[in-house]
């Protein structure tokens, strides 16, 4: 392994442990928010919230098999989303089939 890569990795790891990289991330998120944008995972979370609420509100409209099929598809999306989010508190609960 290249010595410069080892040094760079160590410096990055030290900066992360000290929280030196957090201010730039906060600034980036603030700029996005101030200009009407959000990180992709936040937008995806909003879409999931809307779809979860819609499925649960219309639970009585679907045949049991159809509801289970839609819930299973939504749960696949939720599992994929939960793997992407940077903080555990942002994870979504699965829909009960």
C-alpha atoms as a PDB file:
ATOM      1  CA  UNK A   1       0.000   0.000   0.000  1.00  0.00           C
ATOM      2  CA  UNK A   2       1.213   3.490  -0.812  1.00  0.00           C
ATOM      3  CA  UNK A   3       2.632   5.302   2.238  1.00  0.00           C
ATOM      4  CA  UNK A   4       0.767   8.498   1.316  1.00  0.00           C
ATOM      5  CA  UNK A   5      -2.520   6.616   1.235  1.00  0.00           C
ATOM      6  CA  UNK A   6      -1.845   5.198   4.706  1.00  0.00           C
ATOM      7  CA  UNK A   7      -1.061   8.675   6.027  1.00  0.00           C
ATOM      8  CA  UNK A   8      -4.128  10.195   4.355  1.00  0.00           C
ATOM      9  CA  UNK A   9      -6.400   7.462   5.724  1.00  0.00           C
ATOM     10  CA  UNK A  10      -5.023   7.978   9.224  1.00  0.00           C
ATOM     11  CA  UNK A  11      -5.502  11.770   9.013  1.00  0.00           C
ATOM     12  CA  UNK A  12      -9.060  11.393   7.746  1.00  0.00           C
ATOM     13  CA  UNK A  13      -9.877   8.902  10.507  1.00  0.00           C
ATOM     14  CA  UNK A  14      -8.409  11.254  13.144  1.00  0.00           C
ATOM     15  CA  UNK A  15     -10.376  14.211  11.757  1.00  0.00           C
ATOM     16  CA  UNK A  16     -13.587  12.203  11.823  1.00  0.00           C
ATOM     17  CA  UNK A  17     -12.981  11.141  15.425  1.00  0.00           C
ATOM     18  CA  UNK A  18     -12.369  14.772  16.419  1.00  0.00           C
ATOM     19  CA  UNK A  19     -15.499  15.924  14.589  1.00  0.00           C
ATOM     20  CA  UNK A  20     -13.552  18.162  12.234  1.00  0.00           C
ATOM     21  CA  UNK A  21     -15.543  17.000   9.215  1.00  0.00           C
ATOM     22  CA  UNK A  22     -18.965  17.527  10.783  1.00  0.00           C
ATOM     23  CA  UNK A  23     -19.130  21.350  10.290  1.00  0.00           C
ATOM     24  CA  UNK A  24     -18.654  21.028   6.533  1.00  0.00           C
ATOM     25  CA  UNK A  25     -21.419  18.420   6.355  1.00  0.00           C
ATOM     26  CA  UNK A  26     -23.744  20.642   8.371  1.00  0.00           C
ATOM     27  CA  UNK A  27     -22.936  23.584   6.096  1.00  0.00           C
ATOM     28  CA  UNK A  28     -23.647  21.501   2.996  1.00  0.00           C
ATOM     29  CA  UNK A  29     -26.999  20.384   4.402  1.00  0.00           C
ATOM     30  CA  UNK A  30     -27.870  23.958   5.364  1.00  0.00           C
ATOM     31  CA  UNK A  31     -27.081  25.162   1.840  1.00  0.00           C
ATOM     32  CA  UNK A  32     -29.256  22.434   0.370  1.00  0.00           C
ATOM     33  CA  UNK A  33     -32.122  23.254   2.731  1.00  0.00           C
ATOM     34  CA  UNK A  34     -31.900  27.010   2.115  1.00  0.00           C
ATOM     35  CA  UNK A  35     -32.155  26.394  -1.618  1.00  0.00           C
ATOM     36  CA  UNK A  36     -35.122  24.049  -1.400  1.00  0.00           C
ATOM     37  CA  UNK A  37     -33.208  20.780  -1.607  1.00  0.00           C
ATOM     38  CA  UNK A  38     -32.536  17.937   0.788  1.00  0.00           C
ATOM     39  CA  UNK A  39     -30.210  14.932   0.749  1.00  0.00           C
ATOM     40  CA  UNK A  40     -31.584  12.081  -1.344  1.00  0.00           C
ATOM     41  CA  UNK A  41     -32.214   9.864   1.682  1.00  0.00           C
ATOM     42  CA  UNK A  42     -34.417  12.534   3.274  1.00  0.00           C
ATOM     43  CA  UNK A  43     -36.479  12.904   0.105  1.00  0.00           C
ATOM     44  CA  UNK A  44     -36.773   9.124  -0.160  1.00  0.00           C
ATOM     45  CA  UNK A  45     -37.879   8.986   3.491  1.00  0.00           C
ATOM     46  CA  UNK A  46     -40.635  11.503   2.787  1.00  0.00           C
ATOM     47  CA  UNK A  47     -41.814   9.417  -0.168  1.00  0.00           C
ATOM     48  CA  UNK A  48     -41.855   6.309   2.011  1.00  0.00           C
ATOM     49  CA  UNK A  49     -43.814   8.091   4.749  1.00  0.00           C
ATOM     50  CA  UNK A  50     -46.426   9.141   2.186  1.00  0.00           C
ATOM     51  CA  UNK A  51     -46.648   5.633   0.709  1.00  0.00           C
ATOM     52  CA  UNK A  52     -46.849   3.980   4.147  1.00  0.00           C
ATOM     53  CA  UNK A  53     -49.656   6.314   5.217  1.00  0.00           C
ATOM     54  CA  UNK A  54     -51.498   5.735   1.937  1.00  0.00           C
ATOM     55  CA  UNK A  55     -51.253   1.965   2.190  1.00  0.00           C
ATOM     56  CA  UNK A  56     -52.382   1.890   5.810  1.00  0.00           C
ATOM     57  CA  UNK A  57     -55.237   4.332   5.183  1.00  0.00           C
ATOM     58  CA  UNK A  58     -56.495   2.203   2.300  1.00  0.00           C
ATOM     59  CA  UNK A  59     -56.033  -1.140   4.031  1.00  0.00           C
ATOM     60  CA  UNK A  60     -59.782  -1.908   3.799  1.00  0.00           C
ATOM     61  CA  UNK A  61     -59.905  -1.196   0.048  1.00  0.00           C
ATOM     62  CA  UNK A  62     -57.548  -4.014  -0.883  1.00  0.00           C
ATOM     63  CA  UNK A  63     -58.154  -7.730  -1.081  1.00  0.00           C
ATOM     64  CA  UNK A  64     -56.031  -9.466   1.579  1.00  0.00           C
ATOM     65  CA  UNK A  65     -53.638 -10.884  -1.027  1.00  0.00           C
ATOM     66  CA  UNK A  66     -53.293  -7.525  -2.765  1.00  0.00           C
ATOM     67  CA  UNK A  67     -52.579  -5.727   0.512  1.00  0.00           C
ATOM     68  CA  UNK A  68     -49.904  -8.288   1.433  1.00  0.00           C
ATOM     69  CA  UNK A  69     -48.317  -7.903  -2.006  1.00  0.00           C
ATOM     70  CA  UNK A  70     -48.214  -4.099  -1.720  1.00  0.00           C
ATOM     71  CA  UNK A  71     -46.948  -4.276   1.878  1.00  0.00           C
ATOM     72  CA  UNK A  72     -44.187  -6.701   0.874  1.00  0.00           C
ATOM     73  CA  UNK A  73     -43.050  -4.376  -1.919  1.00  0.00           C
ATOM     74  CA  UNK A  74     -43.105  -1.394   0.424  1.00  0.00           C
ATOM     75  CA  UNK A  75     -41.175  -3.370   3.044  1.00  0.00           C
ATOM     76  CA  UNK A  76     -38.484  -4.128   0.442  1.00  0.00           C
ATOM     77  CA  UNK A  77     -38.144  -0.390  -0.188  1.00  0.00           C
ATOM     78  CA  UNK A  78     -38.047   0.292   3.555  1.00  0.00           C
ATOM     79  CA  UNK A  79     -35.286  -2.289   4.103  1.00  0.00           C
ATOM     80  CA  UNK A  80     -33.215  -0.762   1.291  1.00  0.00           C
ATOM     81  CA  UNK A  81     -33.817   2.722   2.728  1.00  0.00           C
ATOM     82  CA  UNK A  82     -32.790   1.610   6.224  1.00  0.00           C
ATOM     83  CA  UNK A  83     -29.442   0.472   4.829  1.00  0.00           C
ATOM     84  CA  UNK A  84     -28.813   3.916   3.300  1.00  0.00           C
ATOM     85  CA  UNK A  85     -29.688   6.287   6.120  1.00  0.00           C
ATOM     86  CA  UNK A  86     -26.725   7.680   8.052  1.00  0.00           C
ATOM     87  CA  UNK A  87     -28.437   7.586  11.465  1.00  0.00           C
ATOM     88  CA  UNK A  88     -30.405   4.784  13.050  1.00  0.00           C
ATOM     89  CA  UNK A  89     -33.086   7.146  14.323  1.00  0.00           C
ATOM     90  CA  UNK A  90     -34.107   7.900  10.723  1.00  0.00           C
ATOM     91  CA  UNK A  91     -34.889   4.275   9.925  1.00  0.00           C
ATOM     92  CA  UNK A  92     -38.483   3.316   9.115  1.00  0.00           C
ATOM     93  CA  UNK A  93     -40.585   0.579  10.674  1.00  0.00           C
ATOM     94  CA  UNK A  94     -41.811  -2.191   8.405  1.00  0.00           C
ATOM     95  CA  UNK A  95     -45.493  -2.338   7.481  1.00  0.00           C
ATOM     96  CA  UNK A  96     -47.363  -5.175   9.146  1.00  0.00           C
ATOM     97  CA  UNK A  97     -48.657  -7.536   6.477  1.00  0.00           C
END
